[in-house]
Amino acid sequence: MQDRFPAQQLFAEGAQYIDGRLAGGDSGRAHAVIDPATGEEVYTYDLAGTDTVDAAVAAARTAFPGWAGATPGERSDALHRFAAVLADRADEFARAESLQCGKPLKLTREFDVPGTIDNTAFFAGAARHLAGQSAGEYSGDHTSYVRREPIGVVGSIAPWNYPLQMAAWKILPAIAAGNTIVLKPAELTPLTSLLFARAASEAGIPDGVINIVTGTGREAGEHLVGHRDVVMTSFTGSTAVGRRVAELATATVKRLHLELGGKAPFVVFEDADLEAAVHGAVAGSLINTGQDCTAATRAYVQRPLYEAFVERTAALMETVRVGDPFAAGTDLGPLVSHAQRDRVAAFVDRARGYARVVTGGEAPQGELKNGAYYLPTLIADAAQDSEAVQSEIFGPVLVVLPFDTDEEGIRLANDTPYGLAASAWTRDVFRANRATREIKAGCVWINDHIPIISEMPHGGYKASGFGKDMSAYSFEEYTQVKHVMFDNTAVARKPWHRTVFGDS
């Protein structure tokens, strides 16, 4: 597999990046990165234990005063250089991401890597806008203003479904604001996080500003979240693990940012452009093999369009080309692991007892049998309270249900614990406006599903967590607000002192 990405060669010194250098882990346990398209090992490394985490946090703490003391212009210049290095290495990043995740190379080349470069350029600009509020007199002879300051060492945990982009979403706003960071990528997919940190060093970002520890969530992750020198935790992953992260962060009163699960509704009203909705549903549900918290997972179709939508969506799914991520014609690669493929298959097998599997519902055979592949799957006629509708499947599976009135469609869209993203399909501006107002989700698309841009926030409602990635909103979350107040008089004793000292 060396022709795909030479991981063993590039990371021979280990999968930990601390204070500008690669290093081995201290847990005493080895872990293999598996190519999910073939089941073959492509990289083996020693996992990080608690001592590795401690070393990374210490490096970040040492680097903090210097990086926080840099001018916004200096941090901005470094991030602009970083974006240029990423652009020069774009193909290397794309191949590494495809190898470890099973993403089609055309997806990583056209979406993951360009999006990461764009994020870097955005936060290079944002670094020059760490602004408070202008001075003003709000209390007698006193002048007040607000400072925004970096907060310190951030400990972040990124998931395996978008390793490069999630690393960027966590690292970039944190360091643009003057913080330093320790990131723990998923042990399944560490390669692009390590490349990202090395590229930052090449761009001139000082050693210790970005540190990577690759270990298990139970050992390295929990130690990072609970570390007394980490002042903020940012976590992206499942809602169940997010609850555990919140418990650990609360013990040390950390600032907390959680981007958790999703079960995005895809609401098709009777006046929608059916052809556009069908294509949107297939693309929106199968992006990244369905391993996306914002993927379309629940399609609610108003009854006059329901049967036609099911028929046409199934037919379009059957044209999707499943295959080798590195092959030019591939639309859909494998899931990230065989364990994840088996988890998805179990959801679909259970659904056969209460719903109709219209197409898919099995792993392909032949030349793909050794990979973690699963065919695009459409499930119809499930009940709203069924497992397939209420639980995250996180695979190439779309569930379709009918609804009658507009009120029912919006009610069903809101009827899960999650609220990360949603879409509504209609040519009626009033319906569109109502949907954006009443659907409880952090993002609601109209006549599209899944596009994101660096300038706008990404984050959820309800059990999908709180806090925003990307945009100026994300940047502000990695700062703390300080009120500064000046007394403009030379009077030794102020009027309010009488409440303490009396009138004598």
Protein backbone atom coordinates (compact mmCIF):
# COMPACT_ATOMS: atom_id res chain seq x y z
CA MET A 1 0.00 0.00 0.00
CA GLN A 2 3.02 2.30 -0.15
CA ASP A 3 1.80 3.67 -3.48
CA ARG A 4 -1.26 5.13 -1.76
CA PHE A 5 0.39 6.91 1.18
CA PRO A 6 3.76 6.07 2.82
CA ALA A 7 2.60 6.28 6.44
CA GLN A 8 5.24 3.97 7.88
CA GLN A 9 7.96 6.02 6.27
CA LEU A 10 6.63 9.49 7.18
CA PHE A 11 5.73 8.66 10.77
CA ALA A 12 8.45 6.17 11.62
CA GLU A 13 9.23 8.05 14.84
CA GLY A 14 5.70 7.67 16.18
CA ALA A 15 2.18 9.06 16.09
CA GLN A 16 2.63 11.66 18.84
CA TYR A 17 3.58 15.23 17.89
CA ILE A 18 4.81 17.14 20.91
CA ASP A 19 6.73 20.41 20.98
CA GLY A 20 7.47 20.24 17.26
CA ARG A 21 8.71 16.63 17.15
CA LEU A 22 7.29 13.21 16.42
CA ALA A 23 7.52 10.74 19.29
CA GLY A 24 6.31 7.33 20.37
CA GLY A 25 3.56 6.66 22.88
CA ASP A 26 3.97 5.43 26.44
CA SER A 27 0.94 3.17 26.90
CA GLY A 28 2.81 -0.03 26.03
CA ARG A 29 0.13 -0.92 23.48
CA ALA A 30 0.41 -0.85 19.72
CA HIS A 31 -2.40 0.09 17.36
CA ALA A 32 -2.79 -0.44 13.62
CA VAL A 33 -4.31 1.93 11.10
CA ILE A 34 -6.31 -0.24 8.69
CA ASP A 35 -7.18 0.58 5.10
CA PRO A 36 -10.95 -0.05 5.22
CA ALA A 37 -11.04 -0.70 1.48
CA THR A 38 -8.83 -3.77 1.77
CA GLY A 39 -8.59 -4.68 5.45
CA GLU A 40 -4.78 -4.33 5.29
CA GLU A 41 -2.59 -2.65 7.89
CA VAL A 42 -0.96 0.54 6.62
CA TYR A 43 0.62 1.92 9.80
CA THR A 44 1.32 0.61 13.28
CA TYR A 45 2.20 2.88 16.20
CA ASP A 46 2.39 3.01 20.00
CA LEU A 47 -0.63 4.57 21.65
CA ALA A 48 -0.34 7.58 23.95
CA GLY A 49 -0.80 7.06 27.66
CA THR A 50 -1.12 9.58 30.47
CA ASP A 51 2.58 10.52 30.48
CA THR A 52 2.40 11.44 26.79
CA VAL A 53 -0.63 13.62 27.48
CA ASP A 54 1.16 15.30 30.37
CA ALA A 55 4.16 16.05 28.14
CA ALA A 56 1.94 17.53 25.44
CA VAL A 57 0.05 19.73 27.90
CA ALA A 58 3.33 20.90 29.41
CA ALA A 59 4.61 21.84 25.95
CA ALA A 60 1.42 23.74 25.20
CA ARG A 61 1.56 25.53 28.55
CA THR A 62 5.17 26.57 27.97
CA ALA A 63 4.38 27.87 24.47
CA PHE A 64 1.28 29.81 25.55
CA PRO A 65 2.82 33.08 26.82
CA GLY A 66 4.85 33.62 23.70
CA TRP A 67 2.04 32.77 21.28
CA ALA A 68 -0.57 34.74 23.24
CA GLY A 69 1.85 37.67 23.33
CA ALA A 70 2.33 37.68 19.56
CA THR A 71 0.47 40.44 17.78
CA PRO A 72 -2.68 39.55 15.86
CA GLY A 73 -0.79 40.43 12.70
CA GLU A 74 1.99 38.00 13.53
CA ARG A 75 -0.45 35.17 14.18
CA SER A 76 -2.31 36.07 10.99
CA ASP A 77 0.87 35.99 8.92
CA ALA A 78 1.75 32.56 10.31
CA LEU A 79 -1.69 31.22 9.44
CA HIS A 80 -1.48 32.62 5.91
CA ARG A 81 1.84 30.79 5.49
CA PHE A 82 0.15 27.68 6.92
CA ALA A 83 -2.60 27.89 4.29
CA ALA A 84 0.06 28.11 1.57
CA VAL A 85 1.85 25.01 2.88
CA LEU A 86 -1.44 23.10 2.96
CA ALA A 87 -2.16 24.11 -0.61
CA ASP A 88 1.27 22.89 -1.70
CA ARG A 89 0.66 19.55 0.04
CA ALA A 90 -2.97 19.17 -1.00
CA ASP A 91 -2.57 15.86 -2.81
CA GLU A 92 -0.59 14.34 0.05
CA PHE A 93 -3.36 15.25 2.49
CA ALA A 94 -6.06 13.96 0.15
CA ARG A 95 -4.38 10.58 -0.29
CA ALA A 96 -3.75 10.16 3.44
CA GLU A 97 -7.36 10.99 4.27
CA SER A 98 -8.69 8.59 1.64
CA LEU A 99 -6.42 5.82 2.82
CA GLN A 100 -7.29 5.96 6.52
CA CYS A 101 -11.02 6.69 6.12
CA GLY A 102 -12.00 4.99 2.88
CA LYS A 103 -13.25 8.25 1.38
CA PRO A 104 -13.26 8.45 -2.40
CA LEU A 105 -10.23 10.41 -3.53
CA LYS A 106 -12.44 12.78 -5.49
CA LEU A 107 -14.21 13.69 -2.21
CA THR A 108 -11.01 14.43 -0.31
CA ARG A 109 -9.56 16.37 -3.26
CA GLU A 110 -12.69 18.42 -3.93
CA PHE A 111 -14.16 18.81 -0.44
CA ASP A 112 -12.09 17.84 2.61
CA VAL A 113 -8.75 19.36 1.66
CA PRO A 114 -9.98 22.53 -0.10
CA GLY A 115 -12.35 23.13 2.81
CA THR A 116 -9.48 22.84 5.27
CA ILE A 117 -7.33 25.27 3.30
CA ASP A 118 -10.23 27.72 3.12
CA ASN A 119 -10.77 27.42 6.89
CA THR A 120 -7.11 28.18 7.47
CA ALA A 121 -7.28 31.26 5.28
CA PHE A 122 -10.46 32.40 7.05
CA PHE A 123 -8.92 32.18 10.51
CA ALA A 124 -5.77 33.88 9.25
CA GLY A 125 -8.02 36.87 8.66
CA ALA A 126 -9.97 36.39 11.87
CA ALA A 127 -6.76 36.53 13.90
CA ARG A 128 -6.59 40.28 13.22
CA HIS A 129 -10.06 40.84 14.64
CA LEU A 130 -9.69 39.83 18.27
CA ALA A 131 -11.70 42.89 19.23
CA GLY A 132 -13.45 43.91 22.40
CA GLN A 133 -15.90 46.81 22.62
CA SER A 134 -15.21 50.51 22.37
CA ALA A 135 -14.77 52.58 25.47
CA GLY A 136 -17.74 54.25 27.07
CA GLU A 137 -18.92 55.91 30.29
CA TYR A 138 -21.58 53.75 31.85
CA SER A 139 -21.14 54.61 35.53
CA GLY A 140 -20.44 58.12 36.73
CA ASP A 141 -16.88 59.22 36.05
CA HIS A 142 -15.70 55.77 35.06
CA THR A 143 -14.74 54.60 31.59
CA SER A 144 -15.30 50.94 30.73
CA TYR A 145 -14.21 48.74 27.89
CA VAL A 146 -14.11 45.04 27.13
CA ARG A 147 -11.01 43.05 26.21
CA ARG A 148 -11.10 39.69 24.47
CA GLU A 149 -8.15 37.54 25.49
CA PRO A 150 -6.92 34.00 24.80
CA ILE A 151 -7.81 31.53 27.50
CA GLY A 152 -4.79 29.19 27.67
CA VAL A 153 -4.29 25.52 26.84
CA VAL A 154 -7.18 23.90 24.95
CA GLY A 155 -7.67 20.14 24.96
CA SER A 156 -9.64 18.90 21.95
CA ILE A 157 -10.88 15.51 20.79
CA ALA A 158 -11.69 14.92 17.11
CA PRO A 159 -13.69 12.06 15.53
CA TRP A 160 -12.80 9.60 12.79
CA ASN A 161 -15.33 10.60 10.13
CA TYR A 162 -13.65 13.87 9.06
CA PRO A 163 -10.22 13.66 10.71
CA LEU A 164 -8.59 16.49 8.76
CA GLN A 165 -11.48 18.92 8.79
CA MET A 166 -12.34 18.31 12.43
CA ALA A 167 -8.71 18.82 13.44
CA ALA A 168 -8.77 22.11 11.53
CA TRP A 169 -12.08 23.22 13.03
CA LYS A 170 -10.62 22.76 16.50
CA ILE A 171 -7.05 23.90 16.02
CA LEU A 172 -7.53 26.97 13.85
CA PRO A 173 -9.89 29.16 15.94
CA ALA A 174 -8.00 28.21 19.09
CA ILE A 175 -4.57 29.26 17.82
CA ALA A 176 -5.88 32.25 15.84
CA ALA A 177 -7.12 33.64 19.16
CA GLY A 178 -3.69 33.10 20.77
CA ASN A 179 -4.28 29.82 22.57
CA THR A 180 -2.20 26.67 22.39
CA ILE A 181 -3.73 23.24 21.90
CA VAL A 182 -3.41 19.52 22.49
CA LEU A 183 -5.55 17.55 20.02
CA LYS A 184 -6.41 13.88 20.36
CA PRO A 185 -7.50 12.43 17.02
CA ALA A 186 -9.34 9.12 16.83
CA GLU A 187 -6.86 6.26 17.04
CA LEU A 188 -8.34 4.84 13.80
CA THR A 189 -7.42 7.94 11.78
CA PRO A 190 -4.39 9.90 13.07
CA LEU A 191 -2.49 10.42 9.81
CA THR A 192 -3.84 13.76 8.59
CA SER A 193 -3.80 15.32 12.07
CA LEU A 194 -0.09 14.53 12.25
CA LEU A 195 0.45 15.95 8.75
CA PHE A 196 -1.49 19.06 9.77
CA ALA A 197 0.69 19.70 12.83
CA ARG A 198 3.90 19.16 10.85
CA ALA A 199 2.71 21.56 8.15
CA ALA A 200 2.03 24.17 10.84
CA SER A 201 5.61 23.85 12.08
CA GLU A 202 6.90 24.20 8.54
CA ALA A 203 4.86 27.39 8.21
CA GLY A 204 6.62 28.87 11.23
CA ILE A 205 4.02 28.34 13.94
CA PRO A 206 6.16 27.90 17.08
CA ASP A 207 6.83 24.52 18.65
CA GLY A 208 4.33 23.62 21.35
CA VAL A 209 1.47 25.66 19.93
CA ILE A 210 -0.04 22.56 18.27
CA ASN A 211 0.44 19.14 19.85
CA ILE A 212 -1.09 15.80 18.82
CA VAL A 213 -1.58 12.84 21.15
CA THR A 214 -2.92 9.65 19.59
CA GLY A 215 -4.42 7.28 22.12
CA THR A 216 -7.67 5.76 23.25
CA GLY A 217 -10.53 7.86 24.52
CA ARG A 218 -10.66 6.00 27.80
CA GLU A 219 -7.00 6.62 28.64
CA ALA A 220 -5.55 9.55 26.69
CA GLY A 221 -8.87 11.30 26.05
CA GLU A 222 -10.18 11.21 29.59
CA HIS A 223 -6.81 12.27 31.00
CA LEU A 224 -6.72 15.22 28.61
CA VAL A 225 -10.23 16.35 29.51
CA GLY A 226 -9.55 16.05 33.22
CA HIS A 227 -6.10 17.68 33.14
CA ARG A 228 -5.86 20.61 35.56
CA ASP A 229 -3.78 22.71 33.13
CA VAL A 230 -6.32 22.40 30.31
CA VAL A 231 -8.78 25.28 30.56
CA MET A 232 -11.17 24.38 27.73
CA THR A 233 -12.34 21.13 26.17
CA SER A 234 -13.73 20.88 22.65
CA PHE A 235 -15.20 17.50 21.69
CA THR A 236 -16.86 16.19 18.55
CA GLY A 237 -18.41 12.74 18.70
CA SER A 238 -21.42 10.82 19.92
CA THR A 239 -23.89 12.24 22.41
CA ALA A 240 -23.22 9.34 24.80
CA VAL A 241 -19.48 10.09 24.94
CA GLY A 242 -20.24 13.82 25.07
CA ARG A 243 -22.07 13.28 28.35
CA ARG A 244 -18.96 11.61 29.79
CA VAL A 245 -16.77 14.47 28.55
CA ALA A 246 -19.12 16.95 30.22
CA GLU A 247 -18.86 15.08 33.52
CA LEU A 248 -15.07 15.15 33.44
CA ALA A 249 -14.90 18.80 32.38
CA THR A 250 -17.30 19.85 35.12
CA ALA A 251 -14.99 18.46 37.80
CA THR A 252 -12.36 21.07 36.91
CA VAL A 253 -14.84 23.78 35.82
CA LYS A 254 -13.60 23.87 32.25
CA ARG A 255 -15.14 25.75 29.41
CA LEU A 256 -16.86 23.19 27.21
CA HIS A 257 -17.65 22.98 23.50
CA LEU A 258 -19.63 19.95 22.29
CA GLU A 259 -20.59 19.01 18.73
CA LEU A 260 -22.48 15.75 19.13
CA GLY A 261 -24.78 13.46 17.23
CA GLY A 262 -27.32 14.27 14.58
CA LYS A 263 -30.30 12.73 12.84
CA ALA A 264 -30.97 15.31 10.16
CA PRO A 265 -34.51 15.51 8.74
CA PHE A 266 -35.05 16.08 5.02
CA VAL A 267 -38.55 17.52 4.63
CA VAL A 268 -40.08 17.42 1.14
CA PHE A 269 -43.27 19.43 0.72
CA GLU A 270 -45.77 18.62 -2.03
CA ASP A 271 -44.77 21.63 -4.15
CA ALA A 272 -41.05 20.71 -4.18
CA ASP A 273 -39.06 20.06 -7.33
CA LEU A 274 -39.16 16.27 -7.06
CA GLU A 275 -36.12 15.62 -9.25
CA ALA A 276 -34.02 18.09 -7.27
CA ALA A 277 -35.19 16.60 -3.97
CA VAL A 278 -34.36 13.05 -5.07
CA HIS A 279 -30.85 14.02 -6.13
CA GLY A 280 -30.42 16.01 -2.92
CA ALA A 281 -31.56 13.08 -0.81
CA VAL A 282 -29.14 10.63 -2.41
CA ALA A 283 -26.18 13.01 -2.21
CA GLY A 284 -27.12 14.24 1.26
CA SER A 285 -27.56 10.75 2.71
CA LEU A 286 -24.53 9.11 1.09
CA ILE A 287 -21.90 11.83 1.58
CA ASN A 288 -18.88 10.25 3.28
CA THR A 289 -20.72 6.90 3.14
CA GLY A 290 -23.34 8.38 5.47
CA GLN A 291 -20.78 8.90 8.23
CA ASP A 292 -21.70 12.52 8.77
CA CYS A 293 -23.64 14.05 11.67
CA THR A 294 -25.40 16.38 9.24
CA ALA A 295 -26.19 13.74 6.60
CA ALA A 296 -29.80 13.40 5.51
CA THR A 297 -31.07 10.41 7.48
CA ARG A 298 -34.84 10.92 7.79
CA ALA A 299 -36.74 11.96 4.68
CA TYR A 300 -40.30 13.13 5.39
CA VAL A 301 -42.22 13.40 2.13
CA GLN A 302 -45.69 14.89 1.82
CA ARG A 303 -48.04 12.13 0.74
CA PRO A 304 -48.77 13.25 -2.86
CA LEU A 305 -45.04 12.84 -3.67
CA TYR A 306 -44.25 9.93 -1.36
CA GLU A 307 -44.41 6.88 -3.65
CA ALA A 308 -42.69 8.65 -6.54
CA PHE A 309 -39.94 9.87 -4.19
CA VAL A 310 -39.32 6.36 -2.84
CA GLU A 311 -39.23 4.84 -6.32
CA ARG A 312 -36.93 7.45 -7.86
CA THR A 313 -34.60 7.63 -4.85
CA ALA A 314 -34.14 3.85 -4.87
CA ALA A 315 -33.45 3.89 -8.60
CA LEU A 316 -30.85 6.65 -8.26
CA MET A 317 -29.17 4.90 -5.32
CA GLU A 318 -28.74 1.82 -7.47
CA THR A 319 -26.64 3.83 -9.95
CA VAL A 320 -24.12 4.92 -7.28
CA ARG A 321 -20.71 3.39 -8.01
CA VAL A 322 -19.32 1.61 -4.95
CA GLY A 323 -15.64 0.77 -5.09
CA ASP A 324 -11.98 1.47 -4.43
CA PRO A 325 -11.58 5.00 -3.00
CA PHE A 326 -8.56 5.56 -5.24
CA ALA A 327 -10.39 4.62 -8.44
CA ALA A 328 -11.46 7.58 -10.56
CA GLY A 329 -15.06 6.45 -11.02
CA THR A 330 -15.88 5.66 -7.39
CA ASP A 331 -18.81 7.52 -5.79
CA LEU A 332 -19.00 5.61 -2.50
CA GLY A 333 -16.14 4.04 -0.57
CA PRO A 334 -16.20 1.71 2.43
CA LEU A 335 -17.16 2.62 5.95
CA VAL A 336 -14.28 3.46 8.26
CA SER A 337 -13.97 -0.06 9.65
CA HIS A 338 -15.47 -3.52 9.51
CA ALA A 339 -16.89 -2.96 12.98
CA GLN A 340 -18.76 0.12 11.76
CA ARG A 341 -19.98 -1.77 8.68
CA ASP A 342 -21.32 -4.57 10.89
CA ARG A 343 -23.01 -2.02 13.16
CA VAL A 344 -24.82 -0.47 10.19
CA ALA A 345 -25.80 -3.89 8.85
CA ALA A 346 -27.30 -4.81 12.23
CA PHE A 347 -29.49 -1.69 12.18
CA VAL A 348 -30.80 -2.58 8.73
CA ASP A 349 -31.35 -6.25 9.60
CA ARG A 350 -33.43 -5.24 12.63
CA ALA A 351 -35.41 -2.78 10.48
CA ARG A 352 -36.59 -5.65 8.24
CA GLY A 353 -38.88 -6.64 11.10
CA TYR A 354 -40.83 -3.37 11.09
CA ALA A 355 -40.15 -1.61 7.75
CA ARG A 356 -39.51 -2.16 4.05
CA VAL A 357 -35.92 -2.29 2.76
CA VAL A 358 -36.44 -0.98 -0.75
CA THR A 359 -32.89 -1.26 -2.04
CA GLY A 360 -29.44 -2.14 -0.68
CA GLY A 361 -29.32 -3.68 2.76
CA GLU A 362 -26.24 -5.80 2.20
CA ALA A 363 -22.49 -5.79 1.73
CA PRO A 364 -21.22 -6.22 -1.83
CA GLN A 365 -19.32 -9.36 -2.69
CA GLY A 366 -16.73 -10.14 -5.35
CA GLU A 367 -13.65 -7.94 -5.43
CA LEU A 368 -15.00 -5.72 -2.63
CA LYS A 369 -15.68 -8.51 -0.13
CA ASN A 370 -12.58 -7.83 1.99
CA GLY A 371 -13.39 -4.18 2.50
CA ALA A 372 -15.84 -2.52 4.91
CA TYR A 373 -18.35 -1.80 2.17
CA TYR A 374 -22.13 -1.52 2.41
CA LEU A 375 -24.53 -0.78 -0.41
CA PRO A 376 -26.63 2.42 -0.45
CA THR A 377 -29.80 1.51 1.42
CA LEU A 378 -33.31 2.93 1.40
CA ILE A 379 -35.82 1.99 4.11
CA ALA A 380 -39.49 2.96 3.76
CA ASP A 381 -42.60 2.84 5.95
CA ALA A 382 -40.85 2.75 9.34
CA ALA A 383 -42.75 4.10 12.33
CA GLN A 384 -41.67 7.44 13.78
CA ASP A 385 -40.73 5.85 17.10
CA SER A 386 -38.69 3.05 15.51
CA GLU A 387 -34.97 2.58 16.02
CA ALA A 388 -34.10 3.42 12.41
CA VAL A 389 -35.82 6.80 12.73
CA GLN A 390 -34.67 7.75 16.23
CA SER A 391 -31.07 6.42 16.45
CA GLU A 392 -27.89 7.41 14.62
CA ILE A 393 -27.05 4.66 12.13
CA PHE A 394 -24.03 6.51 10.70
CA GLY A 395 -23.93 4.68 7.41
CA PRO A 396 -25.30 4.89 3.85
CA VAL A 397 -28.91 4.48 4.96
CA LEU A 398 -31.89 6.78 4.35
CA VAL A 399 -35.26 6.21 6.01
CA VAL A 400 -38.36 7.64 4.26
CA LEU A 401 -41.70 8.37 5.92
CA PRO A 402 -44.87 10.10 4.62
CA PHE A 403 -46.68 13.04 6.19
CA ASP A 404 -49.94 14.82 5.43
CA THR A 405 -50.06 18.39 6.70
CA ASP A 406 -47.27 20.96 6.91
CA GLU A 407 -47.68 21.00 10.68
CA GLU A 408 -47.16 17.25 10.84
CA GLY A 409 -44.04 17.40 8.69
CA ILE A 410 -42.38 19.99 10.91
CA ARG A 411 -43.48 18.18 14.08
CA LEU A 412 -41.96 14.91 12.86
CA ALA A 413 -38.76 16.69 11.81
CA ASN A 414 -38.35 17.95 15.39
CA ASP A 415 -39.28 14.63 16.98
CA THR A 416 -35.84 13.24 17.87
CA PRO A 417 -33.40 14.22 20.62
CA TYR A 418 -31.08 15.77 18.03
CA GLY A 419 -30.95 19.17 16.37
CA LEU A 420 -27.76 19.59 14.37
CA ALA A 421 -28.99 20.17 10.81
CA ALA A 422 -32.07 19.85 8.60
CA SER A 423 -33.33 20.73 5.16
CA ALA A 424 -36.68 21.65 3.65
CA TRP A 425 -37.64 21.35 -0.01
CA THR A 426 -40.30 23.70 -1.34
CA ARG A 427 -40.91 26.39 -3.97
CA ASP A 428 -43.16 28.34 -1.60
CA VAL A 429 -41.36 31.17 0.18
CA PHE A 430 -43.83 31.10 3.05
CA ARG A 431 -43.32 27.38 3.63
CA ALA A 432 -39.57 27.90 3.47
CA ASN A 433 -39.69 30.72 5.99
CA ARG A 434 -41.85 28.67 8.33
CA ALA A 435 -39.49 25.71 8.10
CA THR A 436 -36.42 27.78 8.92
CA ARG A 437 -38.23 29.33 11.86
CA GLU A 438 -39.83 26.22 13.36
CA ILE A 439 -37.36 23.40 12.71
CA LYS A 440 -35.11 23.15 15.76
CA ALA A 441 -31.64 22.72 14.33
CA GLY A 442 -28.41 24.67 14.18
CA CYS A 443 -28.58 24.82 10.38
CA VAL A 444 -31.59 24.60 8.09
CA TRP A 445 -30.97 24.42 4.35
CA ILE A 446 -33.64 25.24 1.79
CA ASN A 447 -33.60 23.18 -1.43
CA ASP A 448 -30.15 21.83 -0.66
CA HIS A 449 -28.55 19.64 1.97
CA ILE A 450 -25.05 19.63 3.51
CA PRO A 451 -23.04 22.56 2.04
CA ILE A 452 -21.03 24.49 4.62
CA ILE A 453 -18.87 27.61 4.39
CA SER A 454 -16.11 28.96 6.60
CA GLU A 455 -17.85 32.28 7.27
CA MET A 456 -20.98 30.72 8.80
CA PRO A 457 -21.37 28.75 12.06
CA HIS A 458 -21.86 25.02 12.46
CA GLY A 459 -23.32 23.61 15.67
CA GLY A 460 -26.42 22.13 17.15
CA TYR A 461 -29.48 22.37 19.36
CA LYS A 462 -30.71 19.90 21.99
CA ALA A 463 -28.69 16.66 22.31
CA SER A 464 -26.52 17.70 19.37
CA GLY A 465 -24.51 19.83 21.76
CA PHE A 466 -23.62 23.49 22.05
CA GLY A 467 -20.99 25.84 20.73
CA LYS A 468 -20.11 26.67 17.14
CA ASP A 469 -17.41 25.56 14.73
CA MET A 470 -16.14 27.79 11.92
CA SER A 471 -17.07 31.49 11.57
CA ALA A 472 -16.48 34.41 13.92
CA TYR A 473 -18.78 32.73 16.44
CA SER A 474 -16.30 29.89 16.79
CA PHE A 475 -13.41 32.33 17.10
CA GLU A 476 -15.09 34.09 20.02
CA GLU A 477 -15.61 30.82 21.89
CA TYR A 478 -11.87 30.45 22.25
CA THR A 479 -11.55 33.81 23.99
CA GLN A 480 -12.47 35.13 27.43
CA VAL A 481 -14.06 38.51 28.06
CA LYS A 482 -12.53 40.92 30.54
CA HIS A 483 -14.19 44.13 31.76
CA VAL A 484 -11.70 46.95 32.35
CA MET A 485 -12.81 50.07 34.27
CA PHE A 486 -10.94 53.36 34.75
CA ASP A 487 -11.70 56.03 37.33
CA ASN A 488 -11.36 59.37 35.53
CA THR A 489 -11.27 61.57 38.66
CA ALA A 490 -8.59 62.41 41.17
CA VAL A 491 -10.98 62.18 44.12
CA ALA A 492 -9.58 59.84 46.76
CA ARG A 493 -12.94 58.94 48.18
CA LYS A 494 -15.78 58.01 45.85
CA PRO A 495 -19.47 58.51 46.59
CA TRP A 496 -20.14 54.77 46.69
CA HIS A 497 -17.56 54.39 49.48
CA ARG A 498 -20.12 55.83 51.89
CA THR A 499 -21.91 52.49 51.82
CA VAL A 500 -18.84 51.03 53.50
CA PHE A 501 -17.33 53.88 55.50
CA GLY A 502 -20.44 55.90 56.35
CA ASP A 503 -20.65 59.74 56.19
CA SER A 504 -18.15 60.65 58.93
